[in-house]
């Protein structure tokens, strides 16, 4: 029956068999999950010659992850492989309904604002990824302010690495989330996201303090919350100044990447799904908050359309 249907589709449409199969698999995956709002992974990486983009998307399918933000790290390092905006763009164009490109630039360089504008306006990227410890800059260093102003002008979020880093040449000091506190005060119009939220660290307090500062859950949040029962629930229901709770400021992220493998998708999404919080909070954390920052419209069926 299935093969007959596939032959019929290829004869009556211009779509390739693989395109038809991918569409059918996506419909089946979503329908099998029921009426579940969109799940967006706000933090992943993909690199040339390391891993398969098809396997990457297949793992998203298996776990019911609708979209993922992908970004390179510039410059590449021996530990982190060969990443480039060009390859990110190539993969996003291959899976435009599943992957969302974030540009990565060296923010200290004079032409960084122009580079960012090119990737956003000409190639459709929807954000900026910066890694202060690896790129060797402090987030609150004024030399980086021109690229921040450009991100504000383009109305895109900036995802900053925070917390520990195990690359020998990286500077741990620049991963201090308190540096984002000063940045958010200097640029209240910027959409700032601190990656790798440690629920026992400073980032929840800083995100709760600033209307324009968010945090992603990649790696540390699920790890800590599984070690300490009730911690995740406490953080996500905590009242803060100016907003209802930190659930409005928290974004699901996995940091899935070729170095540590695709297992990070499951390691990061399942603990969030298992938290004893309301469905409304889960919807926000797993996708709605990210959709708002990325200017995506979530439909009733869990899909999305760009604004």
Protein backbone atom coordinates (compact mmCIF):
# COMPACT_ATOMS: atom_id res chain seq x y z
CA UNK A 1 0.00 0.00 0.00
CA UNK A 2 2.75 2.46 1.03
CA UNK A 3 4.89 1.78 -2.05
CA UNK A 4 1.84 2.09 -4.33
CA UNK A 5 1.00 5.46 -2.79
CA UNK A 6 4.60 6.63 -3.23
CA UNK A 7 4.60 5.66 -6.92
CA UNK A 8 1.26 7.44 -7.41
CA UNK A 9 2.61 10.61 -5.76
CA UNK A 10 5.75 10.70 -7.90
CA UNK A 11 3.68 10.29 -11.06
CA UNK A 12 1.15 12.99 -10.18
CA UNK A 13 3.49 15.59 -8.63
CA UNK A 14 6.88 17.08 -9.44
CA UNK A 15 8.23 16.23 -5.97
CA UNK A 16 10.98 13.65 -5.59
CA UNK A 17 10.30 10.39 -3.72
CA UNK A 18 12.56 11.56 -0.88
CA UNK A 19 10.61 14.84 -0.54
CA UNK A 20 7.30 12.96 -0.42
CA UNK A 21 8.68 10.50 2.13
CA UNK A 22 10.02 13.33 4.31
CA UNK A 23 6.67 15.12 4.24
CA UNK A 24 4.82 11.93 5.16
CA UNK A 25 7.24 11.13 7.99
CA UNK A 26 6.88 14.63 9.43
CA UNK A 27 3.08 14.44 9.32
CA UNK A 28 3.16 11.02 10.99
CA UNK A 29 5.56 12.18 13.70
CA UNK A 30 3.43 15.19 14.59
CA UNK A 31 0.14 13.31 14.46
CA UNK A 32 1.53 10.56 16.70
CA UNK A 33 2.40 13.19 19.30
CA UNK A 34 -1.13 14.54 19.31
CA UNK A 35 -1.88 18.24 19.64
CA UNK A 36 1.56 19.36 20.83
CA UNK A 37 2.77 22.93 20.22
CA UNK A 38 6.00 23.46 18.35
CA UNK A 39 9.24 22.33 19.97
CA UNK A 40 12.21 24.53 19.09
CA UNK A 41 15.80 23.73 20.06
CA UNK A 42 17.44 27.15 20.43
CA UNK A 43 21.05 25.93 20.56
CA UNK A 44 22.76 23.40 18.26
CA UNK A 45 25.86 23.21 16.08
CA UNK A 46 26.66 21.40 12.85
CA UNK A 47 30.00 21.27 11.06
CA UNK A 48 31.32 20.19 7.69
CA UNK A 49 32.79 16.67 7.51
CA UNK A 50 31.47 15.84 11.00
CA UNK A 51 28.19 14.01 11.19
CA UNK A 52 25.34 13.91 8.71
CA UNK A 53 22.71 16.65 8.40
CA UNK A 54 20.22 13.91 7.47
CA UNK A 55 20.97 12.05 10.72
CA UNK A 56 20.69 15.34 12.60
CA UNK A 57 17.17 15.98 11.28
CA UNK A 58 16.18 12.32 11.67
CA UNK A 59 17.02 12.50 15.38
CA UNK A 60 14.90 15.64 15.64
CA UNK A 61 12.06 13.68 14.02
CA UNK A 62 12.46 10.80 16.44
CA UNK A 63 12.22 13.09 19.46
CA UNK A 64 9.48 15.36 18.15
CA UNK A 65 11.68 18.45 17.78
CA UNK A 66 10.19 20.62 15.04
CA UNK A 67 12.95 23.18 14.50
CA UNK A 68 16.51 23.80 15.64
CA UNK A 69 18.75 26.84 15.61
CA UNK A 70 22.13 25.91 14.09
CA UNK A 71 25.31 27.97 14.24
CA UNK A 72 29.00 27.70 13.53
CA UNK A 73 31.80 28.84 15.82
CA UNK A 74 34.16 31.36 14.24
CA UNK A 75 37.13 30.95 14.21
CA UNK A 76 37.29 27.15 14.17
CA UNK A 77 39.58 25.47 16.69
CA UNK A 78 41.31 22.06 16.67
CA UNK A 79 38.97 20.93 19.46
CA UNK A 80 35.76 22.14 17.80
CA UNK A 81 36.41 21.40 14.15
CA UNK A 82 35.64 23.28 10.96
CA UNK A 83 32.62 25.52 11.25
CA UNK A 84 31.58 28.28 8.89
CA UNK A 85 28.59 30.46 8.14
CA UNK A 86 28.72 29.18 4.58
CA UNK A 87 28.19 25.59 5.68
CA UNK A 88 25.45 26.61 8.10
CA UNK A 89 23.71 28.36 5.21
CA UNK A 90 24.12 25.32 2.97
CA UNK A 91 22.52 22.99 5.52
CA UNK A 92 19.70 25.41 6.37
CA UNK A 93 18.87 25.73 2.67
CA UNK A 94 18.70 21.93 2.52
CA UNK A 95 16.19 21.82 5.42
CA UNK A 96 14.56 25.26 5.41
CA UNK A 97 11.45 24.16 7.32
CA UNK A 98 13.48 22.50 10.10
CA UNK A 99 16.70 24.45 10.64
CA UNK A 100 17.19 28.12 11.49
CA UNK A 101 20.58 29.72 10.84
CA UNK A 102 22.40 31.97 13.30
CA UNK A 103 25.44 33.86 12.05
CA UNK A 104 28.72 33.84 13.93
CA UNK A 105 31.17 36.72 13.49
CA UNK A 106 34.27 37.97 15.29
CA UNK A 107 32.66 40.93 17.08
CA UNK A 108 35.96 42.78 17.56
CA UNK A 109 36.54 43.10 13.81
CA UNK A 110 35.68 46.36 12.08
CA UNK A 111 33.55 44.69 9.41
CA UNK A 112 31.59 42.47 11.84
CA UNK A 113 28.40 44.58 11.58
CA UNK A 114 28.50 44.38 7.78
CA UNK A 115 29.07 40.62 7.89
CA UNK A 116 26.12 40.19 10.23
CA UNK A 117 23.88 42.31 8.04
CA UNK A 118 24.82 40.22 5.00
CA UNK A 119 23.95 36.89 6.61
CA UNK A 120 20.66 38.19 7.97
CA UNK A 121 19.39 40.26 5.05
CA UNK A 122 20.83 38.25 2.17
CA UNK A 123 20.81 34.68 3.52
CA UNK A 124 17.88 34.71 5.93
CA UNK A 125 19.71 34.03 9.20
CA UNK A 126 17.61 34.90 12.24
CA UNK A 127 20.14 35.55 14.99
CA UNK A 128 23.74 35.96 16.10
CA UNK A 129 25.82 33.40 18.04
CA UNK A 130 28.84 34.63 20.02
CA UNK A 131 31.24 32.61 22.18
CA UNK A 132 33.25 35.05 24.35
CA UNK A 133 35.70 32.49 25.86
CA UNK A 134 36.63 30.96 22.50
CA UNK A 135 36.52 34.22 20.55
CA UNK A 136 38.56 35.92 23.29
CA UNK A 137 36.43 38.93 24.22
CA UNK A 138 34.41 40.18 27.16
CA UNK A 139 30.68 40.58 26.38
CA UNK A 140 30.71 44.06 27.91
CA UNK A 141 33.80 45.24 25.99
CA UNK A 142 32.87 48.44 24.08
CA UNK A 143 34.83 47.22 21.05
CA UNK A 144 31.98 44.75 20.43
CA UNK A 145 29.21 47.34 20.71
CA UNK A 146 28.92 48.10 16.96
CA UNK A 147 27.84 44.52 16.22
CA UNK A 148 25.36 44.64 19.10
CA UNK A 149 23.88 47.84 17.70
CA UNK A 150 23.60 46.12 14.32
CA UNK A 151 21.74 43.19 15.90
CA UNK A 152 19.34 45.67 17.51
CA UNK A 153 18.82 47.36 14.15
CA UNK A 154 18.13 43.98 12.51
CA UNK A 155 15.83 43.01 15.42
CA UNK A 156 17.51 39.64 16.02
CA UNK A 157 18.50 37.82 19.24
CA UNK A 158 22.12 37.36 20.33
CA UNK A 159 23.02 34.00 21.88
CA UNK A 160 26.05 34.22 24.19
CA UNK A 161 27.92 31.26 25.63
CA UNK A 162 28.05 31.42 29.42
CA UNK A 163 29.56 29.10 32.00
CA UNK A 164 32.41 26.56 31.84
CA UNK A 165 34.32 25.78 28.69
CA UNK A 166 36.71 22.85 28.27
CA UNK A 167 38.73 24.19 25.33
CA UNK A 168 42.32 24.71 26.50
CA UNK A 169 42.82 28.05 24.72
CA UNK A 170 39.51 29.55 25.89
CA UNK A 171 39.28 32.11 28.70
CA UNK A 172 36.83 31.07 31.41
CA UNK A 173 36.52 34.64 32.72
CA UNK A 174 34.66 35.73 29.60
CA UNK A 175 31.96 33.13 30.24
CA UNK A 176 30.84 34.80 33.47
CA UNK A 177 27.07 35.45 33.09
CA UNK A 178 27.41 38.57 35.25
CA UNK A 179 29.01 40.26 32.23
CA UNK A 180 25.61 39.97 30.50
CA UNK A 181 24.05 41.91 33.37
CA UNK A 182 26.06 45.00 32.44
CA UNK A 183 25.40 44.40 28.75
CA UNK A 184 21.63 44.28 29.30
CA UNK A 185 21.80 47.56 31.21
CA UNK A 186 23.82 49.21 28.45
CA UNK A 187 21.57 47.91 25.66
CA UNK A 188 17.99 47.53 26.97
CA UNK A 189 16.77 47.13 23.37
CA UNK A 190 19.02 44.12 22.67
CA UNK A 191 17.55 40.62 22.78
CA UNK A 192 20.17 38.76 24.80
CA UNK A 193 20.17 35.01 25.49
CA UNK A 194 22.62 33.45 27.94
CA UNK A 195 23.38 29.84 27.01
CA UNK A 196 23.88 26.88 29.37
CA UNK A 197 21.82 28.13 32.29
CA UNK A 198 22.99 26.72 35.61
CA UNK A 199 19.89 26.85 37.84
CA UNK A 200 22.22 27.14 40.85
CA UNK A 201 24.21 29.99 39.29
CA UNK A 202 23.72 33.68 38.54
CA UNK A 203 21.90 33.46 35.21
CA UNK A 204 18.34 32.89 36.53
CA UNK A 205 18.59 36.00 38.71
CA UNK A 206 20.02 38.05 35.85
CA UNK A 207 17.35 36.85 33.41
CA UNK A 208 14.66 37.63 35.95
CA UNK A 209 16.05 41.11 36.44
CA UNK A 210 16.07 42.22 32.80
CA UNK A 211 13.07 42.18 30.42
CA UNK A 212 15.48 41.77 27.48
CA UNK A 213 17.58 38.88 28.80
CA UNK A 214 16.74 35.17 28.39
CA UNK A 215 18.46 31.89 29.19
CA UNK A 216 18.69 28.57 27.37
CA UNK A 217 18.61 25.24 29.17
CA UNK A 218 21.36 23.41 27.29
CA UNK A 219 23.40 20.89 29.28
CA UNK A 220 23.57 22.36 32.80
CA UNK A 221 19.87 22.98 33.47
CA UNK A 222 18.67 19.38 32.92
CA UNK A 223 21.78 17.94 34.59
CA UNK A 224 21.27 19.93 37.80
CA UNK A 225 17.51 19.42 37.82
CA UNK A 226 17.87 15.64 37.64
CA UNK A 227 20.37 15.68 40.50
CA UNK A 228 18.17 17.86 42.72
CA UNK A 229 14.46 16.93 42.57
CA UNK A 230 12.19 19.98 42.48
CA UNK A 231 14.92 22.41 41.39
CA UNK A 232 13.64 22.89 37.85
CA UNK A 233 10.09 23.36 39.04
CA UNK A 234 11.22 25.96 41.59
CA UNK A 235 13.19 27.95 39.01
CA UNK A 236 10.46 27.95 36.36
CA UNK A 237 7.71 29.03 38.76
CA UNK A 238 9.75 31.67 40.58
CA UNK A 239 8.20 35.13 40.48
CA UNK A 240 10.55 37.89 39.35
CA UNK A 241 10.42 41.63 39.01
CA UNK A 242 8.50 42.78 35.95
CA UNK A 243 7.46 39.33 34.61
CA UNK A 244 5.22 36.54 35.83
CA UNK A 245 7.91 33.85 36.16
CA UNK A 246 11.20 32.64 34.74
CA UNK A 247 9.18 30.33 32.51
CA UNK A 248 8.72 33.38 30.28
CA UNK A 249 12.49 33.81 29.97
CA UNK A 250 13.62 30.19 29.48
CA UNK A 251 14.34 28.52 26.11
CA UNK A 252 14.90 24.82 25.47
CA UNK A 253 18.37 24.20 24.05
CA UNK A 254 20.42 21.03 23.69
CA UNK A 255 23.83 22.09 22.35
CA UNK A 256 23.66 18.97 20.13
CA UNK A 257 26.81 18.96 18.03
CA UNK A 258 29.26 16.62 16.28
CA UNK A 259 31.77 16.71 19.14
CA UNK A 260 29.42 15.26 21.76
CA UNK A 261 26.98 13.53 19.43
CA UNK A 262 23.26 13.71 18.74
CA UNK A 263 22.50 12.05 22.08
CA UNK A 264 22.33 15.55 23.51
CA UNK A 265 18.94 16.11 21.87
CA UNK A 266 17.36 13.42 24.05
CA UNK A 267 19.47 14.18 27.13
CA UNK A 268 18.19 17.75 27.13
CA UNK A 269 14.58 17.59 25.93
CA UNK A 270 13.27 14.63 27.93
CA UNK A 271 14.11 16.05 31.39
CA UNK A 272 12.16 19.21 30.47
CA UNK A 273 9.17 17.18 29.31
CA UNK A 274 9.25 15.28 32.61
CA UNK A 275 9.20 18.35 34.87
CA UNK A 276 6.18 18.56 37.18
CA UNK A 277 5.00 21.94 35.91
CA UNK A 278 1.89 23.07 34.06
CA UNK A 279 1.39 22.38 30.36
CA UNK A 280 1.45 26.14 29.82
CA UNK A 281 4.96 26.40 31.26
CA UNK A 282 6.16 23.46 29.17
CA UNK A 283 4.73 25.05 26.02
CA UNK A 284 6.58 28.27 26.75
CA UNK A 285 9.92 26.67 27.53
CA UNK A 286 9.84 24.07 24.75
CA UNK A 287 8.86 26.41 21.95
CA UNK A 288 6.65 29.44 22.45
CA UNK A 289 9.33 31.67 23.96
CA UNK A 290 11.75 30.81 21.16
CA UNK A 291 9.06 31.34 18.52
CA UNK A 292 8.47 34.83 19.87
CA UNK A 293 12.17 35.73 19.77
CA UNK A 294 12.57 34.26 16.28
CA UNK A 295 9.36 35.90 15.04
CA UNK A 296 7.69 32.60 14.18
CA UNK A 297 3.96 32.10 14.41
CA UNK A 298 2.94 28.85 16.06
CA UNK A 299 -0.23 27.31 14.65
CA UNK A 300 -2.80 25.29 16.55
CA UNK A 301 -1.43 22.07 15.05
CA UNK A 302 2.07 22.72 16.32
CA UNK A 303 3.49 23.91 13.00
CA UNK A 304 4.57 27.44 12.23
CA UNK A 305 4.69 30.12 9.61
CA UNK A 306 7.01 33.12 9.48
CA UNK A 307 5.43 36.43 10.33
